[in-house]
C-alpha cells in the first residue's frame, strides 16, 4: 500500500513537471 502511494506521488510529480514545462513554452 505504501509503495502504491509513493508511486502515485512520483507520478503526480512527473505530471506537474511536464505541465510546468508545457506552460513555459
PDB file of N, CA and C in Angstrom:
ATOM      1  N   UNK A   1       0.849  -1.211   0.000  1.00  0.00           N
ATOM      2  CA  UNK A   1       0.000   0.000   0.000  1.00  0.00           C
ATOM      3  C   UNK A   1       0.877   1.251   0.000  1.00  0.00           C
ATOM      4  N   UNK A   2       1.877   1.260   0.888  1.00  0.00           N
ATOM      5  CA  UNK A   2       2.767   2.425   0.942  1.00  0.00           C
ATOM      6  C   UNK A   2       3.497   2.616  -0.383  1.00  0.00           C
ATOM      7  N   UNK A   3       3.879   1.491  -0.987  1.00  0.00           N
ATOM      8  CA  UNK A   3       4.582   1.594  -2.287  1.00  0.00           C
ATOM      9  C   UNK A   3       3.659   2.215  -3.320  1.00  0.00           C
ATOM     10  N   UNK A   4       2.373   1.858  -3.258  1.00  0.00           N
ATOM     11  CA  UNK A   4       1.400   2.396  -4.213  1.00  0.00           C
ATOM     12  C   UNK A   4       1.290   3.912  -4.048  1.00  0.00           C
ATOM     13  N   UNK A   5       1.231   4.358  -2.794  1.00  0.00           N
ATOM     14  CA  UNK A   5       1.132   5.797  -2.525  1.00  0.00           C
ATOM     15  C   UNK A   5       2.390   6.507  -3.021  1.00  0.00           C
ATOM     16  N   UNK A   6       3.543   5.915  -2.755  1.00  0.00           N
ATOM     17  CA  UNK A   6       4.807   6.523  -3.191  1.00  0.00           C
ATOM     18  C   UNK A   6       4.836   6.621  -4.711  1.00  0.00           C
ATOM     19  N   UNK A   7       4.366   5.586  -5.378  1.00  0.00           N
ATOM     20  CA  UNK A   7       4.351   5.588  -6.845  1.00  0.00           C
ATOM     21  C   UNK A   7       3.415   6.676  -7.348  1.00  0.00           C
ATOM     22  N   UNK A   8       2.288   6.838  -6.676  1.00  0.00           N
ATOM     23  CA  UNK A   8       1.328   7.876  -7.090  1.00  0.00           C
ATOM     24  C   UNK A   8       1.955   9.255  -6.925  1.00  0.00           C
ATOM     25  N   UNK A   9       2.658   9.454  -5.815  1.00  0.00           N
ATOM     26  CA  UNK A   9       3.295  10.749  -5.580  1.00  0.00           C
ATOM     27  C   UNK A   9       4.340  11.027  -6.650  1.00  0.00           C
ATOM     28  N   UNK A  10       5.130  10.017  -6.991  1.00  0.00           N
ATOM     29  CA  UNK A  10       6.152  10.192  -8.033  1.00  0.00           C
ATOM     30  C   UNK A  10       5.490  10.524  -9.360  1.00  0.00           C
ATOM     31  N   UNK A  11       4.399   9.836  -9.664  1.00  0.00           N
ATOM     32  CA  UNK A  11       3.691  10.065 -10.930  1.00  0.00           C
ATOM     33  C   UNK A  11       3.129  11.481 -10.959  1.00  0.00           C
ATOM     34  N   UNK A  12       2.571  11.931  -9.841  1.00  0.00           N
ATOM     35  CA  UNK A  12       1.995  13.279  -9.805  1.00  0.00           C
ATOM     36  C   UNK A  12       3.100  14.318  -9.963  1.00  0.00           C
ATOM     37  N   UNK A  13       4.258  14.051  -9.369  1.00  0.00           N
ATOM     38  CA  UNK A  13       5.390  14.981  -9.501  1.00  0.00           C
ATOM     39  C   UNK A  13       5.796  15.080 -10.969  1.00  0.00           C
ATOM     40  N   UNK A  14       5.907  13.926 -11.640  1.00  0.00           N
ATOM     41  CA  UNK A  14       6.297  13.925 -13.053  1.00  0.00           C
ATOM     42  C   UNK A  14       5.259  14.677 -13.874  1.00  0.00           C
ATOM     43  N   UNK A  15       3.980  14.466 -13.555  1.00  0.00           N
ATOM     44  CA  UNK A  15       2.912  15.133 -14.306  1.00  0.00           C
ATOM     45  C   UNK A  15       3.006  16.640 -14.124  1.00  0.00           C
ATOM     46  N   UNK A  16       3.198  17.077 -12.890  1.00  0.00           N
ATOM     47  CA  UNK A  16       3.305  18.517 -12.628  1.00  0.00           C
ATOM     48  C   UNK A  16       4.511  19.086 -13.362  1.00  0.00           C
ATOM     49  N   UNK A  17       5.609  18.347 -13.368  1.00  0.00           N
ATOM     50  CA  UNK A  17       6.824  18.808 -14.047  1.00  0.00           C
ATOM     51  C   UNK A  17       6.559  19.007 -15.538  1.00  0.00           C
ATOM     52  N   UNK A  18       5.874  18.029 -16.141  1.00  0.00           N
ATOM     53  CA  UNK A  18       5.568  18.115 -17.574  1.00  0.00           C
ATOM     54  C   UNK A  18       4.627  19.282 -17.840  1.00  0.00           C
ATOM     55  N   UNK A  19       3.623  19.450 -16.990  1.00  0.00           N
ATOM     56  CA  UNK A  19       2.662  20.546 -17.190  1.00  0.00           C
ATOM     57  C   UNK A  19       3.367  21.890 -17.077  1.00  0.00           C
ATOM     58  N   UNK A  20       4.280  22.013 -16.125  1.00  0.00           N
ATOM     59  CA  UNK A  20       5.021  23.266 -15.967  1.00  0.00           C
ATOM     60  C   UNK A  20       5.852  23.537 -17.211  1.00  0.00           C
ATOM     61  N   UNK A  21       6.503  22.496 -17.720  1.00  0.00           N
ATOM     62  CA  UNK A  21       7.330  22.641 -18.926  1.00  0.00           C
ATOM     63  C   UNK A  21       6.473  23.134 -20.091  1.00  0.00           C
ATOM     64  N   UNK A  22       5.296  22.513 -20.257  1.00  0.00           N
ATOM     65  CA  UNK A  22       4.423  22.885 -21.375  1.00  0.00           C
ATOM     66  C   UNK A  22       3.933  24.318 -21.221  1.00  0.00           C
ATOM     67  N   UNK A  23       3.613  24.715 -19.989  1.00  0.00           N
ATOM     68  CA  UNK A  23       3.084  26.063 -19.775  1.00  0.00           C
ATOM     69  C   UNK A  23       4.169  27.113 -20.017  1.00  0.00           C
ATOM     70  N   UNK A  24       5.432  26.746 -19.804  1.00  0.00           N
ATOM     71  CA  UNK A  24       6.524  27.694 -20.014  1.00  0.00           C
ATOM     72  C   UNK A  24       6.736  27.966 -21.496  1.00  0.00           C
ATOM     73  N   UNK A  25       6.500  26.961 -22.320  1.00  0.00           N
ATOM     74  CA  UNK A  25       6.744  27.121 -23.754  1.00  0.00           C
ATOM     75  C   UNK A  25       5.703  28.040 -24.397  1.00  0.00           C
TER      76      UNK A  25
END
